[in-house]
Structures are given as structure tokens and as C-alpha cells.
mmCIF file of all heavy atoms, coordinates in Angstrom:
data_MODEL
# 
_entry.id   MODEL 
# 
loop_
_atom_site.group_PDB 
_atom_site.id 
_atom_site.type_symbol 
_atom_site.label_atom_id 
_atom_site.label_alt_id 
_atom_site.label_comp_id 
_atom_site.label_asym_id 
_atom_site.label_entity_id 
_atom_site.label_seq_id 
_atom_site.pdbx_PDB_ins_code 
_atom_site.Cartn_x 
_atom_site.Cartn_y 
_atom_site.Cartn_z 
_atom_site.occupancy 
_atom_site.B_iso_or_equiv 
_atom_site.pdbx_formal_charge 
_atom_site.auth_seq_id 
_atom_site.auth_comp_id 
_atom_site.auth_asym_id 
_atom_site.auth_atom_id 
_atom_site.pdbx_PDB_model_num 
ATOM 1   N N   . ILE A 1 1  ? -2.392  0.189   -4.401  1.00 0.00 ? 1  ILE A N   1 
ATOM 2   C CA  . ILE A 1 1  ? -1.904  -1.040  -5.023  1.00 0.00 ? 1  ILE A CA  1 
ATOM 3   C C   . ILE A 1 1  ? -2.858  -2.206  -4.697  1.00 0.00 ? 1  ILE A C   1 
ATOM 4   O O   . ILE A 1 1  ? -2.937  -3.165  -5.512  1.00 0.00 ? 1  ILE A O   1 
ATOM 5   C CB  . ILE A 1 1  ? -0.498  -1.334  -4.591  1.00 0.00 ? 1  ILE A CB  1 
ATOM 6   C CG1 . ILE A 1 1  ? 0.134   -2.538  -5.333  1.00 0.00 ? 1  ILE A CG1 1 
ATOM 7   C CG2 . ILE A 1 1  ? -0.395  -1.614  -3.068  1.00 0.00 ? 1  ILE A CG2 1 
ATOM 8   C CD1 . ILE A 1 1  ? 0.276   -2.289  -6.829  1.00 0.00 ? 1  ILE A CD1 1 
ATOM 9   N N   . ASN A 1 2  ? -3.580  -2.214  -3.600  1.00 0.00 ? 2  ASN A N   1 
ATOM 10  C CA  . ASN A 1 2  ? -4.405  -3.319  -3.290  1.00 0.00 ? 2  ASN A CA  1 
ATOM 11  C C   . ASN A 1 2  ? -5.533  -3.512  -4.341  1.00 0.00 ? 2  ASN A C   1 
ATOM 12  O O   . ASN A 1 2  ? -6.047  -4.604  -4.488  1.00 0.00 ? 2  ASN A O   1 
ATOM 13  C CB  . ASN A 1 2  ? -5.139  -3.075  -1.908  1.00 0.00 ? 2  ASN A CB  1 
ATOM 14  C CG  . ASN A 1 2  ? -4.152  -3.332  -0.730  1.00 0.00 ? 2  ASN A CG  1 
ATOM 15  O OD1 . ASN A 1 2  ? -3.010  -3.606  -0.982  1.00 0.00 ? 2  ASN A OD1 1 
ATOM 16  N ND2 . ASN A 1 2  ? -4.740  -3.271  0.444   1.00 0.00 ? 2  ASN A ND2 1 
ATOM 17  N N   . ARG A 1 3  ? -5.843  -2.439  -5.088  1.00 0.00 ? 3  ARG A N   1 
ATOM 18  C CA  . ARG A 1 3  ? -6.866  -2.545  -6.175  1.00 0.00 ? 3  ARG A CA  1 
ATOM 19  C C   . ARG A 1 3  ? -6.505  -3.584  -7.226  1.00 0.00 ? 3  ARG A C   1 
ATOM 20  O O   . ARG A 1 3  ? -7.363  -4.053  -7.915  1.00 0.00 ? 3  ARG A O   1 
ATOM 21  C CB  . ARG A 1 3  ? -7.132  -1.243  -6.781  1.00 0.00 ? 3  ARG A CB  1 
ATOM 22  C CG  . ARG A 1 3  ? -8.023  -0.240  -6.027  1.00 0.00 ? 3  ARG A CG  1 
ATOM 23  C CD  . ARG A 1 3  ? -9.479  -0.690  -5.983  1.00 0.00 ? 3  ARG A CD  1 
ATOM 24  N NE  . ARG A 1 3  ? -10.001 -0.896  -7.301  1.00 0.00 ? 3  ARG A NE  1 
ATOM 25  C CZ  . ARG A 1 3  ? -10.642 0.053   -8.035  1.00 0.00 ? 3  ARG A CZ  1 
ATOM 26  N NH1 . ARG A 1 3  ? -10.796 1.263   -7.561  1.00 0.00 ? 3  ARG A NH1 1 
ATOM 27  N NH2 . ARG A 1 3  ? -11.180 -0.233  -9.236  1.00 0.00 ? 3  ARG A NH2 1 
ATOM 28  N N   . ILE A 1 4  ? -5.200  -3.889  -7.354  1.00 0.00 ? 4  ILE A N   1 
ATOM 29  C CA  . ILE A 1 4  ? -4.773  -4.786  -8.380  1.00 0.00 ? 4  ILE A CA  1 
ATOM 30  C C   . ILE A 1 4  ? -5.338  -6.211  -8.271  1.00 0.00 ? 4  ILE A C   1 
ATOM 31  O O   . ILE A 1 4  ? -5.514  -6.966  -9.192  1.00 0.00 ? 4  ILE A O   1 
ATOM 32  C CB  . ILE A 1 4  ? -3.226  -4.908  -8.467  1.00 0.00 ? 4  ILE A CB  1 
ATOM 33  C CG1 . ILE A 1 4  ? -2.774  -5.395  -9.837  1.00 0.00 ? 4  ILE A CG1 1 
ATOM 34  C CG2 . ILE A 1 4  ? -2.667  -5.752  -7.301  1.00 0.00 ? 4  ILE A CG2 1 
ATOM 35  C CD1 . ILE A 1 4  ? -1.230  -5.297  -10.031 1.00 0.00 ? 4  ILE A CD1 1 
ATOM 36  N N   . SER A 1 5  ? -5.760  -6.577  -7.080  1.00 0.00 ? 5  SER A N   1 
ATOM 37  C CA  . SER A 1 5  ? -6.280  -7.871  -6.798  1.00 0.00 ? 5  SER A CA  1 
ATOM 38  C C   . SER A 1 5  ? -7.674  -8.097  -7.371  1.00 0.00 ? 5  SER A C   1 
ATOM 39  O O   . SER A 1 5  ? -8.015  -9.242  -7.671  1.00 0.00 ? 5  SER A O   1 
ATOM 40  C CB  . SER A 1 5  ? -6.336  -8.154  -5.267  1.00 0.00 ? 5  SER A CB  1 
ATOM 41  O OG  . SER A 1 5  ? -7.260  -7.244  -4.628  1.00 0.00 ? 5  SER A OG  1 
ATOM 42  N N   . GLU A 1 6  ? -8.418  -7.041  -7.586  1.00 0.00 ? 6  GLU A N   1 
ATOM 43  C CA  . GLU A 1 6  ? -9.811  -7.209  -8.070  1.00 0.00 ? 6  GLU A CA  1 
ATOM 44  C C   . GLU A 1 6  ? -9.875  -7.907  -9.439  1.00 0.00 ? 6  GLU A C   1 
ATOM 45  O O   . GLU A 1 6  ? -10.597 -8.855  -9.648  1.00 0.00 ? 6  GLU A O   1 
ATOM 46  C CB  . GLU A 1 6  ? -10.523 -5.883  -8.055  1.00 0.00 ? 6  GLU A CB  1 
ATOM 47  C CG  . GLU A 1 6  ? -10.599 -5.278  -6.626  1.00 0.00 ? 6  GLU A CG  1 
ATOM 48  C CD  . GLU A 1 6  ? -11.142 -3.856  -6.660  1.00 0.00 ? 6  GLU A CD  1 
ATOM 49  O OE1 . GLU A 1 6  ? -11.601 -3.401  -7.716  1.00 0.00 ? 6  GLU A OE1 1 
ATOM 50  O OE2 . GLU A 1 6  ? -11.096 -3.238  -5.566  1.00 0.00 ? 6  GLU A OE2 1 
ATOM 51  N N   . GLU A 1 7  ? -9.173  -7.357  -10.334 1.00 0.00 ? 7  GLU A N   1 
ATOM 52  C CA  . GLU A 1 7  ? -9.094  -7.931  -11.724 1.00 0.00 ? 7  GLU A CA  1 
ATOM 53  C C   . GLU A 1 7  ? -8.485  -9.305  -11.688 1.00 0.00 ? 7  GLU A C   1 
ATOM 54  O O   . GLU A 1 7  ? -8.975  -10.244 -12.344 1.00 0.00 ? 7  GLU A O   1 
ATOM 55  C CB  . GLU A 1 7  ? -8.321  -7.003  -12.673 1.00 0.00 ? 7  GLU A CB  1 
ATOM 56  C CG  . GLU A 1 7  ? -8.216  -7.492  -14.020 1.00 0.00 ? 7  GLU A CG  1 
ATOM 57  C CD  . GLU A 1 7  ? -9.326  -6.921  -14.962 1.00 0.00 ? 7  GLU A CD  1 
ATOM 58  O OE1 . GLU A 1 7  ? -9.673  -5.784  -14.807 1.00 0.00 ? 7  GLU A OE1 1 
ATOM 59  O OE2 . GLU A 1 7  ? -9.704  -7.695  -15.858 1.00 0.00 ? 7  GLU A OE2 1 
ATOM 60  N N   . LEU A 1 8  ? -7.409  -9.463  -10.970 1.00 0.00 ? 8  LEU A N   1 
ATOM 61  C CA  . LEU A 1 8  ? -6.659  -10.747 -10.966 1.00 0.00 ? 8  LEU A CA  1 
ATOM 62  C C   . LEU A 1 8  ? -7.503  -11.847 -10.368 1.00 0.00 ? 8  LEU A C   1 
ATOM 63  O O   . LEU A 1 8  ? -7.557  -12.941 -10.963 1.00 0.00 ? 8  LEU A O   1 
ATOM 64  C CB  . LEU A 1 8  ? -5.369  -10.577 -10.186 1.00 0.00 ? 8  LEU A CB  1 
ATOM 65  C CG  . LEU A 1 8  ? -4.255  -9.862  -10.842 1.00 0.00 ? 8  LEU A CG  1 
ATOM 66  C CD1 . LEU A 1 8  ? -3.134  -9.456  -9.857  1.00 0.00 ? 8  LEU A CD1 1 
ATOM 67  C CD2 . LEU A 1 8  ? -3.661  -10.648 -12.007 1.00 0.00 ? 8  LEU A CD2 1 
ATOM 68  N N   . ILE A 1 9  ? -8.057  -11.695 -9.206  1.00 0.00 ? 9  ILE A N   1 
ATOM 69  C CA  . ILE A 1 9  ? -8.766  -12.762 -8.511  1.00 0.00 ? 9  ILE A CA  1 
ATOM 70  C C   . ILE A 1 9  ? -9.976  -13.242 -9.324  1.00 0.00 ? 9  ILE A C   1 
ATOM 71  O O   . ILE A 1 9  ? -10.184 -14.420 -9.419  1.00 0.00 ? 9  ILE A O   1 
ATOM 72  C CB  . ILE A 1 9  ? -9.194  -12.304 -7.078  1.00 0.00 ? 9  ILE A CB  1 
ATOM 73  C CG1 . ILE A 1 9  ? -8.004  -12.269 -6.189  1.00 0.00 ? 9  ILE A CG1 1 
ATOM 74  C CG2 . ILE A 1 9  ? -10.258 -13.198 -6.586  1.00 0.00 ? 9  ILE A CG2 1 
ATOM 75  C CD1 . ILE A 1 9  ? -7.402  -13.621 -5.907  1.00 0.00 ? 9  ILE A CD1 1 
ATOM 76  N N   . PHE A 1 10 ? -10.705 -12.286 -9.922  1.00 0.00 ? 10 PHE A N   1 
ATOM 77  C CA  . PHE A 1 10 ? -11.891 -12.725 -10.682 1.00 0.00 ? 10 PHE A CA  1 
ATOM 78  C C   . PHE A 1 10 ? -11.523 -13.111 -12.144 1.00 0.00 ? 10 PHE A C   1 
ATOM 79  O O   . PHE A 1 10 ? -11.789 -14.226 -12.537 1.00 0.00 ? 10 PHE A O   1 
ATOM 80  C CB  . PHE A 1 10 ? -12.962 -11.653 -10.601 1.00 0.00 ? 10 PHE A CB  1 
ATOM 81  C CG  . PHE A 1 10 ? -13.853 -11.763 -9.399  1.00 0.00 ? 10 PHE A CG  1 
ATOM 82  C CD1 . PHE A 1 10 ? -13.493 -11.179 -8.208  1.00 0.00 ? 10 PHE A CD1 1 
ATOM 83  C CD2 . PHE A 1 10 ? -15.006 -12.531 -9.529  1.00 0.00 ? 10 PHE A CD2 1 
ATOM 84  C CE1 . PHE A 1 10 ? -14.308 -11.362 -7.093  1.00 0.00 ? 10 PHE A CE1 1 
ATOM 85  C CE2 . PHE A 1 10 ? -15.820 -12.694 -8.385  1.00 0.00 ? 10 PHE A CE2 1 
ATOM 86  C CZ  . PHE A 1 10 ? -15.470 -12.131 -7.156  1.00 0.00 ? 10 PHE A CZ  1 
ATOM 87  N N   . ASN A 1 11 ? -10.964 -12.243 -12.845 1.00 0.00 ? 11 ASN A N   1 
ATOM 88  C CA  . ASN A 1 11 ? -10.915 -12.500 -14.259 1.00 0.00 ? 11 ASN A CA  1 
ATOM 89  C C   . ASN A 1 11 ? -9.729  -13.349 -14.727 1.00 0.00 ? 11 ASN A C   1 
ATOM 90  O O   . ASN A 1 11 ? -9.696  -13.905 -15.809 1.00 0.00 ? 11 ASN A O   1 
ATOM 91  C CB  . ASN A 1 11 ? -10.854 -11.176 -15.083 1.00 0.00 ? 11 ASN A CB  1 
ATOM 92  C CG  . ASN A 1 11 ? -12.208 -10.497 -14.939 1.00 0.00 ? 11 ASN A CG  1 
ATOM 93  O OD1 . ASN A 1 11 ? -13.245 -11.117 -14.763 1.00 0.00 ? 11 ASN A OD1 1 
ATOM 94  N ND2 . ASN A 1 11 ? -12.194 -9.149  -14.982 1.00 0.00 ? 11 ASN A ND2 1 
ATOM 95  N N   . LYS A 1 12 ? -8.682  -13.424 -13.848 1.00 0.00 ? 12 LYS A N   1 
ATOM 96  C CA  . LYS A 1 12 ? -7.561  -14.271 -14.131 1.00 0.00 ? 12 LYS A CA  1 
ATOM 97  C C   . LYS A 1 12 ? -7.462  -15.573 -13.342 1.00 0.00 ? 12 LYS A C   1 
ATOM 98  O O   . LYS A 1 12 ? -6.726  -16.470 -13.657 1.00 0.00 ? 12 LYS A O   1 
ATOM 99  C CB  . LYS A 1 12 ? -6.214  -13.494 -13.870 1.00 0.00 ? 12 LYS A CB  1 
ATOM 100 C CG  . LYS A 1 12 ? -6.101  -12.204 -14.722 1.00 0.00 ? 12 LYS A CG  1 
ATOM 101 C CD  . LYS A 1 12 ? -6.115  -12.483 -16.182 1.00 0.00 ? 12 LYS A CD  1 
ATOM 102 C CE  . LYS A 1 12 ? -5.922  -11.204 -17.039 1.00 0.00 ? 12 LYS A CE  1 
ATOM 103 N NZ  . LYS A 1 12 ? -5.865  -11.487 -18.452 1.00 0.00 ? 12 LYS A NZ  1 
ATOM 104 N N   . LEU A 1 13 ? -8.325  -15.645 -12.293 1.00 0.00 ? 13 LEU A N   1 
ATOM 105 C CA  . LEU A 1 13 ? -8.330  -16.875 -11.476 1.00 0.00 ? 13 LEU A CA  1 
ATOM 106 C C   . LEU A 1 13 ? -9.732  -17.542 -11.426 1.00 0.00 ? 13 LEU A C   1 
ATOM 107 O O   . LEU A 1 13 ? -9.955  -18.519 -12.059 1.00 0.00 ? 13 LEU A O   1 
ATOM 108 C CB  . LEU A 1 13 ? -7.845  -16.543 -10.076 1.00 0.00 ? 13 LEU A CB  1 
ATOM 109 C CG  . LEU A 1 13 ? -7.804  -17.694 -9.096  1.00 0.00 ? 13 LEU A CG  1 
ATOM 110 C CD1 . LEU A 1 13 ? -6.756  -18.727 -9.523  1.00 0.00 ? 13 LEU A CD1 1 
ATOM 111 C CD2 . LEU A 1 13 ? -7.467  -17.188 -7.699  1.00 0.00 ? 13 LEU A CD2 1 
ATOM 112 N N   . LEU A 1 14 ? -10.662 -16.902 -10.740 1.00 0.00 ? 14 LEU A N   1 
ATOM 113 C CA  . LEU A 1 14 ? -11.987 -17.587 -10.507 1.00 0.00 ? 14 LEU A CA  1 
ATOM 114 C C   . LEU A 1 14 ? -12.735 -17.757 -11.835 1.00 0.00 ? 14 LEU A C   1 
ATOM 115 O O   . LEU A 1 14 ? -13.457 -18.761 -12.031 1.00 0.00 ? 14 LEU A O   1 
ATOM 116 C CB  . LEU A 1 14 ? -12.767 -16.756 -9.542  1.00 0.00 ? 14 LEU A CB  1 
ATOM 117 C CG  . LEU A 1 14 ? -12.234 -16.701 -8.068  1.00 0.00 ? 14 LEU A CG  1 
ATOM 118 C CD1 . LEU A 1 14 ? -13.106 -15.820 -7.214  1.00 0.00 ? 14 LEU A CD1 1 
ATOM 119 C CD2 . LEU A 1 14 ? -12.092 -18.164 -7.525  1.00 0.00 ? 14 LEU A CD2 1 
ATOM 120 N N   . LEU A 1 15 ? -12.712 -16.739 -12.729 1.00 0.00 ? 15 LEU A N   1 
ATOM 121 C CA  . LEU A 1 15 ? -13.471 -16.794 -13.960 1.00 0.00 ? 15 LEU A CA  1 
ATOM 122 C C   . LEU A 1 15 ? -12.629 -17.055 -15.149 1.00 0.00 ? 15 LEU A C   1 
ATOM 123 O O   . LEU A 1 15 ? -13.030 -16.821 -16.297 1.00 0.00 ? 15 LEU A O   1 
ATOM 124 C CB  . LEU A 1 15 ? -14.273 -15.523 -14.144 1.00 0.00 ? 15 LEU A CB  1 
ATOM 125 C CG  . LEU A 1 15 ? -15.180 -15.114 -12.977 1.00 0.00 ? 15 LEU A CG  1 
ATOM 126 C CD1 . LEU A 1 15 ? -15.889 -13.789 -13.297 1.00 0.00 ? 15 LEU A CD1 1 
ATOM 127 C CD2 . LEU A 1 15 ? -16.234 -16.218 -12.729 1.00 0.00 ? 15 LEU A CD2 1 
ATOM 128 N N   . ALA A 1 16 ? -11.407 -17.572 -14.985 1.00 0.00 ? 16 ALA A N   1 
ATOM 129 C CA  . ALA A 1 16 ? -10.461 -17.686 -16.085 1.00 0.00 ? 16 ALA A CA  1 
ATOM 130 C C   . ALA A 1 16 ? -10.981 -18.589 -17.236 1.00 0.00 ? 16 ALA A C   1 
ATOM 131 O O   . ALA A 1 16 ? -10.686 -18.370 -18.414 1.00 0.00 ? 16 ALA A O   1 
ATOM 132 C CB  . ALA A 1 16 ? -9.136  -18.247 -15.601 1.00 0.00 ? 16 ALA A CB  1 
ATOM 133 N N   . ASP A 1 17 ? -11.798 -19.580 -16.876 1.00 0.00 ? 17 ASP A N   1 
ATOM 134 C CA  . ASP A 1 17 ? -12.304 -20.547 -17.904 1.00 0.00 ? 17 ASP A CA  1 
ATOM 135 C C   . ASP A 1 17 ? -13.749 -20.274 -18.337 1.00 0.00 ? 17 ASP A C   1 
ATOM 136 O O   . ASP A 1 17 ? -14.310 -21.005 -19.084 1.00 0.00 ? 17 ASP A O   1 
ATOM 137 C CB  . ASP A 1 17 ? -12.195 -21.962 -17.396 1.00 0.00 ? 17 ASP A CB  1 
ATOM 138 C CG  . ASP A 1 17 ? -12.992 -22.213 -16.172 1.00 0.00 ? 17 ASP A CG  1 
ATOM 139 O OD1 . ASP A 1 17 ? -13.479 -21.202 -15.557 1.00 0.00 ? 17 ASP A OD1 1 
ATOM 140 O OD2 . ASP A 1 17 ? -13.181 -23.379 -15.764 1.00 0.00 ? 17 ASP A OD2 1 
ATOM 141 N N   . ARG A 1 18 ? -14.244 -19.078 -17.912 1.00 0.00 ? 18 ARG A N   1 
ATOM 142 C CA  . ARG A 1 18 ? -15.588 -18.733 -18.310 1.00 0.00 ? 18 ARG A CA  1 
ATOM 143 C C   . ARG A 1 18 ? -15.603 -17.908 -19.610 1.00 0.00 ? 18 ARG A C   1 
ATOM 144 O O   . ARG A 1 18 ? -14.567 -17.335 -19.982 1.00 0.00 ? 18 ARG A O   1 
ATOM 145 C CB  . ARG A 1 18 ? -16.285 -17.894 -17.229 1.00 0.00 ? 18 ARG A CB  1 
ATOM 146 C CG  . ARG A 1 18 ? -17.127 -18.633 -16.186 1.00 0.00 ? 18 ARG A CG  1 
ATOM 147 C CD  . ARG A 1 18 ? -16.477 -19.713 -15.461 1.00 0.00 ? 18 ARG A CD  1 
ATOM 148 N NE  . ARG A 1 18 ? -17.303 -20.167 -14.348 1.00 0.00 ? 18 ARG A NE  1 
ATOM 149 C CZ  . ARG A 1 18 ? -16.844 -20.971 -13.383 1.00 0.00 ? 18 ARG A CZ  1 
ATOM 150 N NH1 . ARG A 1 18 ? -15.552 -21.402 -13.387 1.00 0.00 ? 18 ARG A NH1 1 
ATOM 151 N NH2 . ARG A 1 18 ? -17.668 -21.419 -12.395 1.00 0.00 ? 18 ARG A NH2 1 
ATOM 152 N N   . THR A 1 19 ? -16.789 -17.853 -20.249 1.00 0.00 ? 19 THR A N   1 
ATOM 153 C CA  . THR A 1 19 ? -16.907 -16.997 -21.429 1.00 0.00 ? 19 THR A CA  1 
ATOM 154 C C   . THR A 1 19 ? -17.288 -15.564 -21.098 1.00 0.00 ? 19 THR A C   1 
ATOM 155 O O   . THR A 1 19 ? -17.418 -14.763 -21.999 1.00 0.00 ? 19 THR A O   1 
ATOM 156 C CB  . THR A 1 19 ? -17.960 -17.599 -22.408 1.00 0.00 ? 19 THR A CB  1 
ATOM 157 O OG1 . THR A 1 19 ? -19.218 -17.690 -21.698 1.00 0.00 ? 19 THR A OG1 1 
ATOM 158 C CG2 . THR A 1 19 ? -17.573 -18.998 -22.897 1.00 0.00 ? 19 THR A CG2 1 
ATOM 159 N N   . TYR A 1 20 ? -17.464 -15.347 -19.832 1.00 0.00 ? 20 TYR A N   1 
ATOM 160 C CA  . TYR A 1 20 ? -17.778 -13.994 -19.367 1.00 0.00 ? 20 TYR A CA  1 
ATOM 161 C C   . TYR A 1 20 ? -16.706 -13.568 -18.341 1.00 0.00 ? 20 TYR A C   1 
ATOM 162 O O   . TYR A 1 20 ? -15.938 -14.379 -17.854 1.00 0.00 ? 20 TYR A O   1 
ATOM 163 C CB  . TYR A 1 20 ? -19.180 -13.897 -18.740 1.00 0.00 ? 20 TYR A CB  1 
ATOM 164 C CG  . TYR A 1 20 ? -19.362 -14.773 -17.491 1.00 0.00 ? 20 TYR A CG  1 
ATOM 165 C CD1 . TYR A 1 20 ? -19.029 -14.277 -16.276 1.00 0.00 ? 20 TYR A CD1 1 
ATOM 166 C CD2 . TYR A 1 20 ? -19.831 -16.068 -17.613 1.00 0.00 ? 20 TYR A CD2 1 
ATOM 167 C CE1 . TYR A 1 20 ? -19.126 -15.082 -15.121 1.00 0.00 ? 20 TYR A CE1 1 
ATOM 168 C CE2 . TYR A 1 20 ? -20.022 -16.878 -16.488 1.00 0.00 ? 20 TYR A CE2 1 
ATOM 169 C CZ  . TYR A 1 20 ? -19.688 -16.374 -15.221 1.00 0.00 ? 20 TYR A CZ  1 
ATOM 170 O OH  . TYR A 1 20 ? -19.801 -17.149 -14.104 1.00 0.00 ? 20 TYR A OH  1 
ATOM 171 N N   . LYS A 1 21 ? -16.723 -12.326 -17.982 1.00 0.00 ? 21 LYS A N   1 
ATOM 172 C CA  . LYS A 1 21 ? -15.788 -11.800 -16.987 1.00 0.00 ? 21 LYS A CA  1 
ATOM 173 C C   . LYS A 1 21 ? -16.490 -10.850 -16.056 1.00 0.00 ? 21 LYS A C   1 
ATOM 174 O O   . LYS A 1 21 ? -17.666 -10.438 -16.275 1.00 0.00 ? 21 LYS A O   1 
ATOM 175 C CB  . LYS A 1 21 ? -14.664 -11.057 -17.668 1.00 0.00 ? 21 LYS A CB  1 
ATOM 176 C CG  . LYS A 1 21 ? -15.033 -9.764  -18.357 1.00 0.00 ? 21 LYS A CG  1 
ATOM 177 C CD  . LYS A 1 21 ? -13.778 -9.083  -18.962 1.00 0.00 ? 21 LYS A CD  1 
ATOM 178 C CE  . LYS A 1 21 ? -14.139 -7.766  -19.613 1.00 0.00 ? 21 LYS A CE  1 
ATOM 179 N NZ  . LYS A 1 21 ? -12.925 -7.034  -20.080 1.00 0.00 ? 21 LYS A NZ  1 
ATOM 180 N N   . ALA A 1 22 ? -15.873 -10.531 -14.973 1.00 0.00 ? 22 ALA A N   1 
ATOM 181 C CA  . ALA A 1 22 ? -16.436 -9.620  -13.960 1.00 0.00 ? 22 ALA A CA  1 
ATOM 182 C C   . ALA A 1 22 ? -16.170 -8.147  -14.403 1.00 0.00 ? 22 ALA A C   1 
ATOM 183 O O   . ALA A 1 22 ? -15.160 -7.851  -14.965 1.00 0.00 ? 22 ALA A O   1 
ATOM 184 C CB  . ALA A 1 22 ? -15.768 -9.869  -12.621 1.00 0.00 ? 22 ALA A CB  1 
ATOM 185 N N   . GLY A 1 23 ? -17.211 -7.386  -14.163 1.00 0.00 ? 23 GLY A N   1 
ATOM 186 C CA  . GLY A 1 23 ? -17.055 -5.909  -14.470 1.00 0.00 ? 23 GLY A CA  1 
ATOM 187 C C   . GLY A 1 23 ? -16.400 -5.213  -13.320 1.00 0.00 ? 23 GLY A C   1 
ATOM 188 O O   . GLY A 1 23 ? -17.050 -5.092  -12.210 1.00 0.00 ? 23 GLY A O   1 
ATOM 189 N N   . ILE A 1 24 ? -15.191 -4.756  -13.421 1.00 0.00 ? 24 ILE A N   1 
ATOM 190 C CA  . ILE A 1 24 ? -14.433 -4.116  -12.382 1.00 0.00 ? 24 ILE A CA  1 
ATOM 191 C C   . ILE A 1 24 ? -14.758 -2.611  -12.476 1.00 0.00 ? 24 ILE A C   1 
ATOM 192 O O   . ILE A 1 24 ? -14.884 -2.001  -13.510 1.00 0.00 ? 24 ILE A O   1 
ATOM 193 C CB  . ILE A 1 24 ? -12.908 -4.328  -12.548 1.00 0.00 ? 24 ILE A CB  1 
ATOM 194 C CG1 . ILE A 1 24 ? -12.681 -5.828  -12.672 1.00 0.00 ? 24 ILE A CG1 1 
ATOM 195 C CG2 . ILE A 1 24 ? -12.163 -3.738  -11.368 1.00 0.00 ? 24 ILE A CG2 1 
ATOM 196 C CD1 . ILE A 1 24 ? -13.055 -6.644  -11.511 1.00 0.00 ? 24 ILE A CD1 1 
ATOM 197 N N   . ASP A 1 25 ? -14.829 -1.974  -11.268 1.00 0.00 ? 25 ASP A N   1 
ATOM 198 C CA  . ASP A 1 25 ? -15.154 -0.541  -11.197 1.00 0.00 ? 25 ASP A CA  1 
ATOM 199 C C   . ASP A 1 25 ? -13.893 0.314   -11.425 1.00 0.00 ? 25 ASP A C   1 
ATOM 200 O O   . ASP A 1 25 ? -13.071 0.544   -10.564 1.00 0.00 ? 25 ASP A O   1 
ATOM 201 C CB  . ASP A 1 25 ? -15.720 -0.216  -9.806  1.00 0.00 ? 25 ASP A CB  1 
ATOM 202 C CG  . ASP A 1 25 ? -16.129 1.255   -9.687  1.00 0.00 ? 25 ASP A CG  1 
ATOM 203 O OD1 . ASP A 1 25 ? -16.189 1.975   -10.703 1.00 0.00 ? 25 ASP A OD1 1 
ATOM 204 O OD2 . ASP A 1 25 ? -16.392 1.711   -8.530  1.00 0.00 ? 25 ASP A OD2 1 
ATOM 205 N N   . TYR A 1 26 ? -13.848 0.810   -12.712 1.00 0.00 ? 26 TYR A N   1 
ATOM 206 C CA  . TYR A 1 26 ? -12.718 1.737   -13.088 1.00 0.00 ? 26 TYR A CA  1 
ATOM 207 C C   . TYR A 1 26 ? -13.258 3.155   -13.241 1.00 0.00 ? 26 TYR A C   1 
ATOM 208 O O   . TYR A 1 26 ? -12.584 4.042   -13.859 1.00 0.00 ? 26 TYR A O   1 
ATOM 209 C CB  . TYR A 1 26 ? -12.029 1.271   -14.368 1.00 0.00 ? 26 TYR A CB  1 
ATOM 210 C CG  . TYR A 1 26 ? -11.211 -0.001  -14.194 1.00 0.00 ? 26 TYR A CG  1 
ATOM 211 C CD1 . TYR A 1 26 ? -11.467 -1.117  -14.937 1.00 0.00 ? 26 TYR A CD1 1 
ATOM 212 C CD2 . TYR A 1 26 ? -10.135 0.005   -13.268 1.00 0.00 ? 26 TYR A CD2 1 
ATOM 213 C CE1 . TYR A 1 26 ? -10.695 -2.270  -14.784 1.00 0.00 ? 26 TYR A CE1 1 
ATOM 214 C CE2 . TYR A 1 26 ? -9.374  -1.166  -13.098 1.00 0.00 ? 26 TYR A CE2 1 
ATOM 215 C CZ  . TYR A 1 26 ? -9.665  -2.307  -13.837 1.00 0.00 ? 26 TYR A CZ  1 
ATOM 216 O OH  . TYR A 1 26 ? -8.914  -3.397  -13.662 1.00 0.00 ? 26 TYR A OH  1 
# 
């Protein structure tokens, strides 16, 4: 369950207003 933070912290918080997103390892 800890893996859920990776997408949230970068793409929903830190980079939420950017035109790009972080590539998460799936």
C-alpha cells in the first residue's frame, strides 16, 4: 500500500500545475 504515495505526491501534489508528469515505475 505504501506504493500509492508515489503517484500522489508527484503527479497530484508537487507537479499538479505542470504540463508534464512524473513517470512512475509500474
